[in-house]
Amino acid sequence: MLSFAEDFCRGLGVATLLLSTSELQPAALAFYRAAGYRLDRQERICEASVKTIGGNVLRSYFSKRLGR
């Protein structure tokens, strides 16, 4: 699915794909790194949200340049 999303975005002329995940999903962190995504920043989310089971979760933001 990630490869499909990258190809789709390339077709639209998107130069960089951005995504994020949290420390609650270590497999996703490893998957994105293995797929060539660069960690741009991390931030601690103190408040609970619909995406977390509580607050104080480390969120990681990644990017990847999509060549033609």
C-alpha atoms as a PDB file:
ATOM      1  CA  MET A   1       0.000   0.000   0.000  1.00  0.00           C
ATOM      2  CA  LEU A   2       2.849   2.374   0.754  1.00  0.00           C
ATOM      3  CA  SER A   3       4.392   1.749  -2.656  1.00  0.00           C
ATOM      4  CA  PHE A   4       1.015   2.379  -4.286  1.00  0.00           C
ATOM      5  CA  ALA A   5       0.623   5.645  -2.343  1.00  0.00           C
ATOM      6  CA  GLU A   6       4.114   6.764  -3.374  1.00  0.00           C
ATOM      7  CA  ASP A   7       3.448   5.958  -7.039  1.00  0.00           C
ATOM      8  CA  PHE A   8       0.072   7.704  -6.915  1.00  0.00           C
ATOM      9  CA  CYS A   9       1.625  10.828  -5.374  1.00  0.00           C
ATOM     10  CA  ARG A  10       4.436  10.810  -7.956  1.00  0.00           C
ATOM     11  CA  GLY A  11       1.778  10.727 -10.663  1.00  0.00           C
ATOM     12  CA  LEU A  12       0.217  13.835  -9.152  1.00  0.00           C
ATOM     13  CA  GLY A  13       3.575  15.599  -9.127  1.00  0.00           C
ATOM     14  CA  VAL A  14       4.030  15.474  -5.352  1.00  0.00           C
ATOM     15  CA  ALA A  15       7.723  15.977  -4.595  1.00  0.00           C
ATOM     16  CA  THR A  16       7.787  14.889  -0.946  1.00  0.00           C
ATOM     17  CA  LEU A  17       5.583  12.520   1.019  1.00  0.00           C
ATOM     18  CA  LEU A  18       5.079  13.244   4.721  1.00  0.00           C
ATOM     19  CA  LEU A  19       3.797  10.819   7.343  1.00  0.00           C
ATOM     20  CA  SER A  20       3.803  10.264  11.070  1.00  0.00           C
ATOM     21  CA  THR A  21       3.349   7.553  13.662  1.00  0.00           C
ATOM     22  CA  SER A  22       3.938   7.134  17.360  1.00  0.00           C
ATOM     23  CA  GLU A  23       6.062   5.045  19.666  1.00  0.00           C
ATOM     24  CA  LEU A  24       2.951   2.901  20.175  1.00  0.00           C
ATOM     25  CA  GLN A  25       3.630   1.403  16.733  1.00  0.00           C
ATOM     26  CA  PRO A  26       7.274   0.253  16.676  1.00  0.00           C
ATOM     27  CA  ALA A  27       6.682  -1.908  13.579  1.00  0.00           C
ATOM     28  CA  ALA A  28       5.540   1.186  11.663  1.00  0.00           C
ATOM     29  CA  LEU A  29       8.630   3.110  12.780  1.00  0.00           C
ATOM     30  CA  ALA A  30      10.890   0.333  11.476  1.00  0.00           C
ATOM     31  CA  PHE A  31       8.848  -0.070   8.279  1.00  0.00           C
ATOM     32  CA  TYR A  32       9.057   3.621   7.355  1.00  0.00           C
ATOM     33  CA  ARG A  33      12.799   3.743   7.999  1.00  0.00           C
ATOM     34  CA  ALA A  34      13.331   0.598   5.897  1.00  0.00           C
ATOM     35  CA  ALA A  35      11.252   2.180   3.101  1.00  0.00           C
ATOM     36  CA  GLY A  36      13.651   5.133   2.923  1.00  0.00           C
ATOM     37  CA  TYR A  37      11.798   7.683   5.042  1.00  0.00           C
ATOM     38  CA  ARG A  38      13.874  10.194   6.977  1.00  0.00           C
ATOM     39  CA  LEU A  39      12.990  11.121  10.536  1.00  0.00           C
ATOM     40  CA  ASP A  40      12.452  14.899  10.516  1.00  0.00           C
ATOM     41  CA  ARG A  41      11.348  15.514  14.078  1.00  0.00           C
ATOM     42  CA  GLN A  42       9.763  14.036  17.159  1.00  0.00           C
ATOM     43  CA  GLU A  43       7.497  15.606  19.711  1.00  0.00           C
ATOM     44  CA  ARG A  44       5.934  14.484  22.928  1.00  0.00           C
ATOM     45  CA  ILE A  45       2.134  14.708  22.779  1.00  0.00           C
ATOM     46  CA  CYS A  46       0.959  15.400  26.299  1.00  0.00           C
ATOM     47  CA  GLU A  47      -2.785  15.198  25.787  1.00  0.00           C
ATOM     48  CA  ALA A  48      -4.718  12.054  24.943  1.00  0.00           C
ATOM     49  CA  SER A  49      -6.376  11.930  21.530  1.00  0.00           C
ATOM     50  CA  VAL A  50      -8.430   9.548  19.435  1.00  0.00           C
ATOM     51  CA  LYS A  51      -5.110   8.149  18.138  1.00  0.00           C
ATOM     52  CA  THR A  52      -3.603   7.361  21.533  1.00  0.00           C
ATOM     53  CA  ILE A  53      -4.605   5.470  24.633  1.00  0.00           C
ATOM     54  CA  GLY A  54      -3.313   8.276  26.814  1.00  0.00           C
ATOM     55  CA  GLY A  55      -1.069  11.277  26.870  1.00  0.00           C
ATOM     56  CA  ASN A  56       2.711  11.584  26.973  1.00  0.00           C
ATOM     57  CA  VAL A  57       3.235   9.725  23.673  1.00  0.00           C
ATOM     58  CA  LEU A  58       6.261  10.342  21.448  1.00  0.00           C
ATOM     59  CA  ARG A  59       5.170  11.106  17.872  1.00  0.00           C
ATOM     60  CA  SER A  60       7.651  10.799  14.976  1.00  0.00           C
ATOM     61  CA  TYR A  61       7.350  12.730  11.701  1.00  0.00           C
ATOM     62  CA  PHE A  62       8.979  11.362   8.541  1.00  0.00           C
ATOM     63  CA  SER A  63       9.504  12.516   4.957  1.00  0.00           C
ATOM     64  CA  LYS A  64      10.667  11.011   1.695  1.00  0.00           C
ATOM     65  CA  ARG A  65      11.554  12.749  -1.572  1.00  0.00           C
ATOM     66  CA  LEU A  66       9.725  11.098  -4.428  1.00  0.00           C
ATOM     67  CA  GLY A  67      11.949  11.105  -7.500  1.00  0.00           C
ATOM     68  CA  ARG A  68      10.398  10.834 -10.944  1.00  0.00           C
END
